[in-house]
Amino acid sequence: MPERKIPEKSFKEIVDSVDVFSFMSVQDLLSHIYNELKKHLPRYSYRSFSSDLGFGETNYLHLICTQKRQLSVRSAQQVVSRLGLHAERRTWFLSLVEHTAGRHTAQRAEGIRKAYKARQRTIDNTLTRDEMEFFGSWYHPVIRELVGRKDFSAEPRWICQRLRPKITLEQARQSIELLLRLGTIELRDDGTYQITDTHIHVPEGVNHLTIHKYHQEMLHLSERSLSEVDASERDLSAVTVLLSKSQVAEVKALLRETRKKILALSEKSEHAEDKQIYQMNMQLFPVTGQGR
């Protein structure tokens, strides 16, 4: 019978060739690695994969790859060692597991934060790191909009006094420096600042993580507003509905149109003295499955 085990050298070479940072799910990553191994050895099985990763000849990895089970944080330590993942690749894998297997919201959020920082450390391009940083902290877009106020001051203390929730003086200072590097604001000859027409692009190759981190930051702000912002200044609502796939597409189109109208509205009355910066989040997601 043909050999079903991957030679150690080949196993390492195959795993090393995989771009682990392109996966936001460890299940998808492990499934991809398994398929790559199977290309080199057609008779390679999930039982062999489980054995190679230290779980014996069981169907454990099949359950993981088909998303019928979650990889525990403890088992993940064994998997990264067997796969030979080191440095940021190891941190990335373990952080994703922490995000999906964490028992508490704070632990899951910490997993994404660690993955985000690990990915930033692997990027040589300064611009891309800065673009990631812009979306990685909620207050950068807010401070950029704050620059549009007639009374804006780049003095960190002035900025900190106006942001909710509060940030540190150092965070305010670093944010202004970041916005200047990205070119989204500029310093005029008279010493004042202005917003430019430059748009921030989600970095190619890290877009899923960046978007994930951004929405996580916004959801955290939304949660805090329930207890920290007066009801007269906020509008949080929820509705549970039964929709078909075609209706979901229609709802998404309605949400897009609503966002456009609100953006157009914000551009009116530019000099109104009572203008403040608001964050609006729209979420639509399923809370039932197909029962499979």
C-alpha atoms as a PDB file:
ATOM      1  CA  MET A   1       0.000   0.000   0.000  1.00  0.00           C
ATOM      2  CA  PRO A   2       1.388   3.456  -0.889  1.00  0.00           C
ATOM      3  CA  GLU A   3       2.863   5.505   1.932  1.00  0.00           C
ATOM      4  CA  ARG A   4       0.346   7.867   3.556  1.00  0.00           C
ATOM      5  CA  LYS A   5       2.787   9.889   5.600  1.00  0.00           C
ATOM      6  CA  ILE A   6       4.334  13.144   4.367  1.00  0.00           C
ATOM      7  CA  PRO A   7       8.139  13.184   4.723  1.00  0.00           C
ATOM      8  CA  GLU A   8       9.131  15.639   7.469  1.00  0.00           C
ATOM      9  CA  LYS A   9      11.067  17.902   5.107  1.00  0.00           C
ATOM     10  CA  SER A  10       8.204  18.054   2.614  1.00  0.00           C
ATOM     11  CA  PHE A  11       5.699  18.715   5.405  1.00  0.00           C
ATOM     12  CA  LYS A  12       7.702  21.728   6.594  1.00  0.00           C
ATOM     13  CA  GLU A  13       8.209  23.065   3.073  1.00  0.00           C
ATOM     14  CA  ILE A  14       4.489  22.849   2.324  1.00  0.00           C
ATOM     15  CA  VAL A  15       3.482  24.576   5.573  1.00  0.00           C
ATOM     16  CA  ASP A  16       6.141  27.267   5.107  1.00  0.00           C
ATOM     17  CA  SER A  17       4.762  28.069   1.645  1.00  0.00           C
ATOM     18  CA  VAL A  18       1.308  28.912   3.039  1.00  0.00           C
ATOM     19  CA  ASP A  19       0.494  32.584   3.641  1.00  0.00           C
ATOM     20  CA  VAL A  20      -1.127  32.180   7.055  1.00  0.00           C
ATOM     21  CA  PHE A  21      -1.935  35.904   7.214  1.00  0.00           C
ATOM     22  CA  SER A  22      -4.444  35.563   4.377  1.00  0.00           C
ATOM     23  CA  PHE A  23      -6.747  33.510   6.612  1.00  0.00           C
ATOM     24  CA  MET A  24      -9.088  34.930   9.242  1.00  0.00           C
ATOM     25  CA  SER A  25     -10.223  31.477  10.335  1.00  0.00           C
ATOM     26  CA  VAL A  26      -7.967  28.724  11.702  1.00  0.00           C
ATOM     27  CA  GLN A  27     -10.433  26.173  10.345  1.00  0.00           C
ATOM     28  CA  ASP A  28      -9.971  27.553   6.828  1.00  0.00           C
ATOM     29  CA  LEU A  29      -6.207  27.726   7.317  1.00  0.00           C
ATOM     30  CA  LEU A  30      -5.925  24.119   8.497  1.00  0.00           C
ATOM     31  CA  SER A  31      -8.227  22.976   5.702  1.00  0.00           C
ATOM     32  CA  HIS A  32      -5.996  24.748   3.168  1.00  0.00           C
ATOM     33  CA  ILE A  33      -2.855  23.162   4.620  1.00  0.00           C
ATOM     34  CA  TYR A  34      -4.517  19.741   4.497  1.00  0.00           C
ATOM     35  CA  ASN A  35      -5.481  20.213   0.830  1.00  0.00           C
ATOM     36  CA  GLU A  36      -1.932  21.304  -0.021  1.00  0.00           C
ATOM     37  CA  LEU A  37      -0.552  18.193   1.690  1.00  0.00           C
ATOM     38  CA  LYS A  38      -3.036  15.999  -0.148  1.00  0.00           C
ATOM     39  CA  LYS A  39      -1.861  17.397  -3.490  1.00  0.00           C
ATOM     40  CA  HIS A  40       1.556  15.886  -2.776  1.00  0.00           C
ATOM     41  CA  LEU A  41       0.140  12.633  -1.466  1.00  0.00           C
ATOM     42  CA  PRO A  42      -3.348  11.783  -2.783  1.00  0.00           C
ATOM     43  CA  ARG A  43      -3.833   9.005  -0.219  1.00  0.00           C
ATOM     44  CA  TYR A  44      -3.153  11.414   2.651  1.00  0.00           C
ATOM     45  CA  SER A  45      -6.176  11.458   4.973  1.00  0.00           C
ATOM     46  CA  TYR A  46      -7.589  13.521   7.797  1.00  0.00           C
ATOM     47  CA  ARG A  47      -6.570  10.720  10.145  1.00  0.00           C
ATOM     48  CA  SER A  48      -2.981  11.095   8.921  1.00  0.00           C
ATOM     49  CA  PHE A  49      -3.270  14.864   9.367  1.00  0.00           C
ATOM     50  CA  SER A  50      -4.527  14.401  12.928  1.00  0.00           C
ATOM     51  CA  SER A  51      -1.667  12.039  13.634  1.00  0.00           C
ATOM     52  CA  ASP A  52       0.920  14.449  12.204  1.00  0.00           C
ATOM     53  CA  LEU A  53      -0.440  17.184  14.468  1.00  0.00           C
ATOM     54  CA  GLY A  54      -0.231  14.969  17.553  1.00  0.00           C
ATOM     55  CA  PHE A  55      -3.837  13.884  18.039  1.00  0.00           C
ATOM     56  CA  GLY A  56      -3.446  10.259  16.977  1.00  0.00           C
ATOM     57  CA  GLU A  57      -5.252   8.694  14.028  1.00  0.00           C
ATOM     58  CA  THR A  58      -8.641  10.198  14.813  1.00  0.00           C
ATOM     59  CA  ASN A  59     -11.169  12.303  12.908  1.00  0.00           C
ATOM     60  CA  TYR A  60     -10.437  15.306  15.141  1.00  0.00           C
ATOM     61  CA  LEU A  61      -8.923  17.459  12.374  1.00  0.00           C
ATOM     62  CA  HIS A  62     -11.788  16.591  10.046  1.00  0.00           C
ATOM     63  CA  LEU A  63     -14.226  17.996  12.614  1.00  0.00           C
ATOM     64  CA  ILE A  64     -12.086  21.129  12.942  1.00  0.00           C
ATOM     65  CA  CYS A  65     -11.672  21.713   9.205  1.00  0.00           C
ATOM     66  CA  THR A  66     -15.390  21.219   8.541  1.00  0.00           C
ATOM     67  CA  GLN A  67     -16.182  23.680  11.368  1.00  0.00           C
ATOM     68  CA  LYS A  68     -18.047  21.113  13.444  1.00  0.00           C
ATOM     69  CA  ARG A  69     -15.703  21.728  16.357  1.00  0.00           C
ATOM     70  CA  GLN A  70     -13.607  24.616  17.624  1.00  0.00           C
ATOM     71  CA  LEU A  71      -9.883  24.284  18.163  1.00  0.00           C
ATOM     72  CA  SER A  72      -9.212  24.965  21.830  1.00  0.00           C
ATOM     73  CA  VAL A  73      -6.519  27.374  22.979  1.00  0.00           C
ATOM     74  CA  ARG A  74      -4.664  24.454  24.591  1.00  0.00           C
ATOM     75  CA  SER A  75      -4.761  22.304  21.451  1.00  0.00           C
ATOM     76  CA  ALA A  76      -3.682  25.301  19.360  1.00  0.00           C
ATOM     77  CA  GLN A  77      -0.362  25.391  21.220  1.00  0.00           C
ATOM     78  CA  GLN A  78       0.297  21.824  20.117  1.00  0.00           C
ATOM     79  CA  VAL A  79      -0.791  22.507  16.531  1.00  0.00           C
ATOM     80  CA  VAL A  80       1.523  25.512  15.992  1.00  0.00           C
ATOM     81  CA  SER A  81       4.452  23.478  17.339  1.00  0.00           C
ATOM     82  CA  ARG A  82       3.720  20.550  15.039  1.00  0.00           C
ATOM     83  CA  LEU A  83       3.226  22.873  12.066  1.00  0.00           C
ATOM     84  CA  GLY A  84       6.491  24.637  12.860  1.00  0.00           C
ATOM     85  CA  LEU A  85       4.941  28.111  13.030  1.00  0.00           C
ATOM     86  CA  HIS A  86       7.230  30.645  14.673  1.00  0.00           C
ATOM     87  CA  ALA A  87       7.364  34.355  15.515  1.00  0.00           C
ATOM     88  CA  GLU A  88       4.485  36.374  14.047  1.00  0.00           C
ATOM     89  CA  ARG A  89       3.035  33.379  12.165  1.00  0.00           C
ATOM     90  CA  ARG A  90       2.690  31.588  15.493  1.00  0.00           C
ATOM     91  CA  THR A  91       1.194  34.674  17.184  1.00  0.00           C
ATOM     92  CA  TRP A  92      -1.266  35.095  14.313  1.00  0.00           C
ATOM     93  CA  PHE A  93      -2.540  31.517  14.575  1.00  0.00           C
ATOM     94  CA  LEU A  94      -2.861  31.557  18.371  1.00  0.00           C
ATOM     95  CA  SER A  95      -4.531  34.970  18.334  1.00  0.00           C
ATOM     96  CA  LEU A  96      -7.191  33.810  15.871  1.00  0.00           C
ATOM     97  CA  VAL A  97      -7.895  30.824  18.090  1.00  0.00           C
ATOM     98  CA  GLU A  98      -8.176  33.111  21.109  1.00  0.00           C
ATOM     99  CA  HIS A  99     -10.621  35.261  19.145  1.00  0.00           C
ATOM    100  CA  THR A 100     -12.902  32.362  18.196  1.00  0.00           C
ATOM    101  CA  ALA A 101     -12.515  30.156  21.278  1.00  0.00           C
ATOM    102  CA  GLY A 102     -12.393  32.866  23.929  1.00  0.00           C
ATOM    103  CA  ARG A 103     -15.049  32.506  26.611  1.00  0.00           C
ATOM    104  CA  HIS A 104     -15.540  36.207  27.144  1.00  0.00           C
ATOM    105  CA  THR A 105     -16.010  39.191  24.842  1.00  0.00           C
ATOM    106  CA  ALA A 106     -12.890  40.855  26.231  1.00  0.00           C
ATOM    107  CA  GLN A 107     -10.797  37.741  25.532  1.00  0.00           C
ATOM    108  CA  ARG A 108     -12.078  37.494  21.965  1.00  0.00           C
ATOM    109  CA  ALA A 109     -11.374  41.182  21.400  1.00  0.00           C
ATOM    110  CA  GLU A 110      -7.874  40.716  22.779  1.00  0.00           C
ATOM    111  CA  GLY A 111      -7.307  37.932  20.248  1.00  0.00           C
ATOM    112  CA  ILE A 112      -8.031  40.274  17.339  1.00  0.00           C
ATOM    113  CA  ARG A 113      -5.855  42.992  18.893  1.00  0.00           C
ATOM    114  CA  LYS A 114      -2.893  40.584  19.110  1.00  0.00           C
ATOM    115  CA  ALA A 115      -3.432  39.361  15.543  1.00  0.00           C
ATOM    116  CA  TYR A 116      -3.621  42.967  14.343  1.00  0.00           C
ATOM    117  CA  LYS A 117      -0.345  43.921  16.014  1.00  0.00           C
ATOM    118  CA  ALA A 118       1.376  40.760  14.763  1.00  0.00           C
ATOM    119  CA  ARG A 119       0.317  41.554  11.193  1.00  0.00           C
ATOM    120  CA  GLN A 120       1.546  45.140  11.489  1.00  0.00           C
ATOM    121  CA  ARG A 121       4.990  43.900  12.557  1.00  0.00           C
ATOM    122  CA  THR A 122       5.319  41.811   9.383  1.00  0.00           C
ATOM    123  CA  ILE A 123       4.706  44.755   7.044  1.00  0.00           C
ATOM    124  CA  ASP A 124       7.774  46.586   5.751  1.00  0.00           C
ATOM    125  CA  ASN A 125       5.815  49.322   3.997  1.00  0.00           C
ATOM    126  CA  THR A 126       5.409  52.301   6.355  1.00  0.00           C
ATOM    127  CA  LEU A 127       2.361  53.615   4.479  1.00  0.00           C
ATOM    128  CA  THR A 128       0.522  50.308   4.846  1.00  0.00           C
ATOM    129  CA  ARG A 129       1.316  50.175   8.572  1.00  0.00           C
ATOM    130  CA  ASP A 130      -0.035  53.708   8.944  1.00  0.00           C
ATOM    131  CA  GLU A 131      -3.181  52.835   6.994  1.00  0.00           C
ATOM    132  CA  MET A 132      -3.732  49.871   9.289  1.00  0.00           C
ATOM    133  CA  GLU A 133      -3.203  52.065  12.342  1.00  0.00           C
ATOM    134  CA  PHE A 134      -5.797  54.567  11.072  1.00  0.00           C
ATOM    135  CA  PHE A 135      -8.515  51.904  11.029  1.00  0.00           C
ATOM    136  CA  GLY A 136      -7.218  50.163  14.133  1.00  0.00           C
ATOM    137  CA  SER A 137      -8.134  52.870  16.661  1.00  0.00           C
ATOM    138  CA  TRP A 138     -11.552  54.529  16.755  1.00  0.00           C
ATOM    139  CA  TYR A 139     -10.270  58.026  17.525  1.00  0.00           C
ATOM    140  CA  HIS A 140      -8.169  58.572  14.359  1.00  0.00           C
ATOM    141  CA  PRO A 141     -11.191  59.093  12.032  1.00  0.00           C
ATOM    142  CA  VAL A 142     -12.860  61.186  14.756  1.00  0.00           C
ATOM    143  CA  ILE A 143      -9.874  63.530  15.156  1.00  0.00           C
ATOM    144  CA  ARG A 144      -9.665  63.908  11.374  1.00  0.00           C
ATOM    145  CA  GLU A 145     -13.283  65.112  11.317  1.00  0.00           C
ATOM    146  CA  LEU A 146     -12.581  67.307  14.328  1.00  0.00           C
ATOM    147  CA  VAL A 147      -9.991  69.172  12.244  1.00  0.00           C
ATOM    148  CA  GLY A 148     -12.907  70.492  10.190  1.00  0.00           C
ATOM    149  CA  ARG A 149     -14.194  72.587  13.096  1.00  0.00           C
ATOM    150  CA  LYS A 150     -13.461  76.334  12.885  1.00  0.00           C
ATOM    151  CA  ASP A 151     -12.128  76.347  16.445  1.00  0.00           C
ATOM    152  CA  PHE A 152      -9.910  73.264  16.028  1.00  0.00           C
ATOM    153  CA  SER A 153      -6.605  73.178  17.881  1.00  0.00           C
ATOM    154  CA  ALA A 154      -3.941  70.509  17.439  1.00  0.00           C
ATOM    155  CA  GLU A 155      -3.025  70.938  21.091  1.00  0.00           C
ATOM    156  CA  PRO A 156      -3.429  67.410  22.565  1.00  0.00           C
ATOM    157  CA  ARG A 157      -5.217  68.739  25.649  1.00  0.00           C
ATOM    158  CA  TRP A 158      -7.820  70.526  23.495  1.00  0.00           C
ATOM    159  CA  ILE A 159      -8.453  67.308  21.556  1.00  0.00           C
ATOM    160  CA  CYS A 160      -8.701  65.158  24.689  1.00  0.00           C
ATOM    161  CA  GLN A 161     -11.257  67.509  26.236  1.00  0.00           C
ATOM    162  CA  ARG A 162     -13.600  66.960  23.303  1.00  0.00           C
ATOM    163  CA  LEU A 163     -13.403  63.236  22.656  1.00  0.00           C
ATOM    164  CA  ARG A 164     -15.760  60.715  24.231  1.00  0.00           C
ATOM    165  CA  PRO A 165     -14.570  58.388  25.599  1.00  0.00           C
ATOM    166  CA  LYS A 166     -11.334  60.028  26.717  1.00  0.00           C
ATOM    167  CA  ILE A 167      -7.941  59.293  25.201  1.00  0.00           C
ATOM    168  CA  THR A 168      -4.484  60.177  26.503  1.00  0.00           C
ATOM    169  CA  LEU A 169      -2.448  63.232  25.536  1.00  0.00           C
ATOM    170  CA  GLU A 170       0.102  60.955  23.861  1.00  0.00           C
ATOM    171  CA  GLN A 171      -2.583  59.226  21.807  1.00  0.00           C
ATOM    172  CA  ALA A 172      -3.868  62.620  20.630  1.00  0.00           C
ATOM    173  CA  ARG A 173      -0.365  63.767  19.677  1.00  0.00           C
ATOM    174  CA  GLN A 174       0.418  60.544  17.809  1.00  0.00           C
ATOM    175  CA  SER A 175      -2.916  60.697  15.995  1.00  0.00           C
ATOM    176  CA  ILE A 176      -2.180  64.155  14.583  1.00  0.00           C
ATOM    177  CA  GLU A 177       1.244  62.914  13.430  1.00  0.00           C
ATOM    178  CA  LEU A 178      -0.382  59.876  11.785  1.00  0.00           C
ATOM    179  CA  LEU A 179      -2.982  61.984   9.957  1.00  0.00           C
ATOM    180  CA  LEU A 180      -0.244  64.291   8.682  1.00  0.00           C
ATOM    181  CA  ARG A 181       1.845  61.343   7.433  1.00  0.00           C
ATOM    182  CA  LEU A 182      -1.186  59.903   5.643  1.00  0.00           C
ATOM    183  CA  GLY A 183      -1.930  63.281   4.094  1.00  0.00           C
ATOM    184  CA  THR A 184      -5.563  63.331   5.260  1.00  0.00           C
ATOM    185  CA  ILE A 185      -4.920  66.637   7.026  1.00  0.00           C
ATOM    186  CA  GLU A 186      -2.330  69.308   6.310  1.00  0.00           C
ATOM    187  CA  LEU A 187      -0.706  72.207   8.111  1.00  0.00           C
ATOM    188  CA  ARG A 188      -1.281  75.526   6.358  1.00  0.00           C
ATOM    189  CA  ASP A 189       1.162  78.421   6.212  1.00  0.00           C
ATOM    190  CA  ASP A 190      -0.780  80.302   8.873  1.00  0.00           C
ATOM    191  CA  GLY A 191      -0.288  77.471  11.372  1.00  0.00           C
ATOM    192  CA  THR A 192      -3.842  76.120  11.159  1.00  0.00           C
ATOM    193  CA  TYR A 193      -4.878  72.661   9.972  1.00  0.00           C
ATOM    194  CA  GLN A 194      -7.333  71.580   7.300  1.00  0.00           C
ATOM    195  CA  ILE A 195      -8.817  68.325   6.024  1.00  0.00           C
ATOM    196  CA  THR A 196      -7.587  67.275   2.576  1.00  0.00           C
ATOM    197  CA  ASP A 197      -9.423  65.350  -0.124  1.00  0.00           C
ATOM    198  CA  THR A 198      -7.135  62.364   0.423  1.00  0.00           C
ATOM    199  CA  HIS A 199      -9.031  59.129   1.062  1.00  0.00           C
ATOM    200  CA  ILE A 200      -7.681  56.371   3.287  1.00  0.00           C
ATOM    201  CA  HIS A 201      -7.660  52.987   1.584  1.00  0.00           C
ATOM    202  CA  VAL A 202      -8.004  49.706   3.399  1.00  0.00           C
ATOM    203  CA  PRO A 203      -4.547  48.104   2.932  1.00  0.00           C
ATOM    204  CA  GLU A 204      -4.528  45.422   0.268  1.00  0.00           C
ATOM    205  CA  GLY A 205      -3.700  42.004   1.690  1.00  0.00           C
ATOM    206  CA  VAL A 206      -4.837  42.919   5.213  1.00  0.00           C
ATOM    207  CA  ASN A 207      -8.276  44.270   4.343  1.00  0.00           C
ATOM    208  CA  HIS A 208     -10.307  41.606   6.157  1.00  0.00           C
ATOM    209  CA  LEU A 209      -8.391  42.040   9.404  1.00  0.00           C
ATOM    210  CA  THR A 210      -8.458  45.830   9.152  1.00  0.00           C
ATOM    211  CA  ILE A 211     -12.214  45.927   8.548  1.00  0.00           C
ATOM    212  CA  HIS A 212     -12.758  43.417  11.351  1.00  0.00           C
ATOM    213  CA  LYS A 213     -10.732  45.501  13.786  1.00  0.00           C
ATOM    214  CA  TYR A 214     -12.481  48.720  12.750  1.00  0.00           C
ATOM    215  CA  HIS A 215     -15.968  47.323  13.282  1.00  0.00           C
ATOM    216  CA  GLN A 216     -14.898  45.798  16.571  1.00  0.00           C
ATOM    217  CA  GLU A 217     -13.796  49.251  17.737  1.00  0.00           C
ATOM    218  CA  MET A 218     -17.100  50.803  16.641  1.00  0.00           C
ATOM    219  CA  LEU A 219     -19.200  48.103  18.324  1.00  0.00           C
ATOM    220  CA  HIS A 220     -17.263  48.685  21.541  1.00  0.00           C
ATOM    221  CA  LEU A 221     -18.075  52.404  21.358  1.00  0.00           C
ATOM    222  CA  SER A 222     -21.719  51.607  20.727  1.00  0.00           C
ATOM    223  CA  GLU A 223     -21.819  49.376  23.797  1.00  0.00           C
ATOM    224  CA  ARG A 224     -20.240  52.076  25.955  1.00  0.00           C
ATOM    225  CA  SER A 225     -22.701  54.696  24.736  1.00  0.00           C
ATOM    226  CA  LEU A 226     -25.550  52.796  26.418  1.00  0.00           C
ATOM    227  CA  SER A 227     -24.259  53.783  29.831  1.00  0.00           C
ATOM    228  CA  GLU A 228     -22.131  56.851  29.071  1.00  0.00           C
ATOM    229  CA  VAL A 229     -24.228  58.897  26.628  1.00  0.00           C
ATOM    230  CA  ASP A 230     -27.574  60.490  27.433  1.00  0.00           C
ATOM    231  CA  ALA A 231     -30.523  59.012  25.533  1.00  0.00           C
ATOM    232  CA  SER A 232     -31.270  62.411  23.983  1.00  0.00           C
ATOM    233  CA  GLU A 233     -27.920  62.270  22.159  1.00  0.00           C
ATOM    234  CA  ARG A 234     -28.093  58.748  20.801  1.00  0.00           C
ATOM    235  CA  ASP A 235     -30.403  56.454  18.886  1.00  0.00           C
ATOM    236  CA  LEU A 236     -29.870  52.738  19.349  1.00  0.00           C
ATOM    237  CA  SER A 237     -32.516  50.407  18.018  1.00  0.00           C
ATOM    238  CA  ALA A 238     -32.895  46.810  16.943  1.00  0.00           C
ATOM    239  CA  VAL A 239     -35.380  44.810  14.924  1.00  0.00           C
ATOM    240  CA  THR A 240     -35.667  41.063  14.345  1.00  0.00           C
ATOM    241  CA  VAL A 241     -37.171  40.088  10.992  1.00  0.00           C
ATOM    242  CA  LEU A 242     -37.658  37.053   8.776  1.00  0.00           C
ATOM    243  CA  LEU A 243     -36.076  37.624   5.357  1.00  0.00           C
ATOM    244  CA  SER A 244     -35.398  35.632   2.199  1.00  0.00           C
ATOM    245  CA  LYS A 245     -32.032  35.861   0.410  1.00  0.00           C
ATOM    246  CA  SER A 246     -33.446  38.267  -2.169  1.00  0.00           C
ATOM    247  CA  GLN A 247     -34.897  40.430   0.587  1.00  0.00           C
ATOM    248  CA  VAL A 248     -31.516  40.541   2.348  1.00  0.00           C
ATOM    249  CA  ALA A 249     -30.016  41.981  -0.819  1.00  0.00           C
ATOM    250  CA  GLU A 250     -32.814  44.559  -0.919  1.00  0.00           C
ATOM    251  CA  VAL A 251     -32.254  45.550   2.723  1.00  0.00           C
ATOM    252  CA  LYS A 252     -28.506  45.975   2.082  1.00  0.00           C
ATOM    253  CA  ALA A 253     -29.334  48.260  -0.841  1.00  0.00           C
ATOM    254  CA  LEU A 254     -31.624  50.311   1.407  1.00  0.00           C
ATOM    255  CA  LEU A 255     -28.861  50.628   4.002  1.00  0.00           C
ATOM    256  CA  ARG A 256     -26.380  51.781   1.348  1.00  0.00           C
ATOM    257  CA  GLU A 257     -28.834  54.422   0.146  1.00  0.00           C
ATOM    258  CA  THR A 258     -29.466  55.575   3.723  1.00  0.00           C
ATOM    259  CA  ARG A 259     -25.730  55.967   4.341  1.00  0.00           C
ATOM    260  CA  LYS A 260     -25.402  58.090   1.195  1.00  0.00           C
ATOM    261  CA  LYS A 261     -28.263  60.366   2.272  1.00  0.00           C
ATOM    262  CA  ILE A 262     -26.806  60.828   5.754  1.00  0.00           C
ATOM    263  CA  LEU A 263     -23.368  61.647   4.315  1.00  0.00           C
ATOM    264  CA  ALA A 264     -24.984  64.224   2.014  1.00  0.00           C
ATOM    265  CA  LEU A 265     -26.852  65.684   4.992  1.00  0.00           C
ATOM    266  CA  SER A 266     -23.620  66.014   6.988  1.00  0.00           C
ATOM    267  CA  GLU A 267     -22.129  68.192   4.258  1.00  0.00           C
ATOM    268  CA  LYS A 268     -24.841  70.808   4.682  1.00  0.00           C
ATOM    269  CA  SER A 269     -24.697  73.658   7.205  1.00  0.00           C
ATOM    270  CA  GLU A 270     -20.918  73.345   7.423  1.00  0.00           C
ATOM    271  CA  HIS A 271     -20.581  76.283   9.774  1.00  0.00           C
ATOM    272  CA  ALA A 272     -23.319  75.385  12.248  1.00  0.00           C
ATOM    273  CA  GLU A 273     -21.927  76.034  15.713  1.00  0.00           C
ATOM    274  CA  ASP A 274     -23.715  73.086  17.307  1.00  0.00           C
ATOM    275  CA  LYS A 275     -22.143  70.486  15.010  1.00  0.00           C
ATOM    276  CA  GLN A 276     -20.623  67.504  16.773  1.00  0.00           C
ATOM    277  CA  ILE A 277     -19.075  64.309  15.416  1.00  0.00           C
ATOM    278  CA  TYR A 278     -21.293  61.236  15.557  1.00  0.00           C
ATOM    279  CA  GLN A 279     -20.589  57.589  14.796  1.00  0.00           C
ATOM    280  CA  MET A 280     -23.355  55.630  13.104  1.00  0.00           C
ATOM    281  CA  ASN A 281     -23.175  51.846  12.901  1.00  0.00           C
ATOM    282  CA  MET A 282     -25.509  49.684  10.847  1.00  0.00           C
ATOM    283  CA  GLN A 283     -25.502  45.940  11.372  1.00  0.00           C
ATOM    284  CA  LEU A 284     -27.426  43.223   9.585  1.00  0.00           C
ATOM    285  CA  PHE A 285     -26.550  39.604  10.379  1.00  0.00           C
ATOM    286  CA  PRO A 286     -28.293  36.217  10.645  1.00  0.00           C
ATOM    287  CA  VAL A 287     -29.142  34.754  14.043  1.00  0.00           C
ATOM    288  CA  THR A 288     -30.395  31.416  12.708  1.00  0.00           C
ATOM    289  CA  GLY A 289     -28.869  28.769  10.437  1.00  0.00           C
ATOM    290  CA  GLN A 290     -30.091  26.156   8.000  1.00  0.00           C
ATOM    291  CA  GLY A 291     -30.298  23.441  10.643  1.00  0.00           C
ATOM    292  CA  ARG A 292     -27.705  21.247   8.959  1.00  0.00           C
END
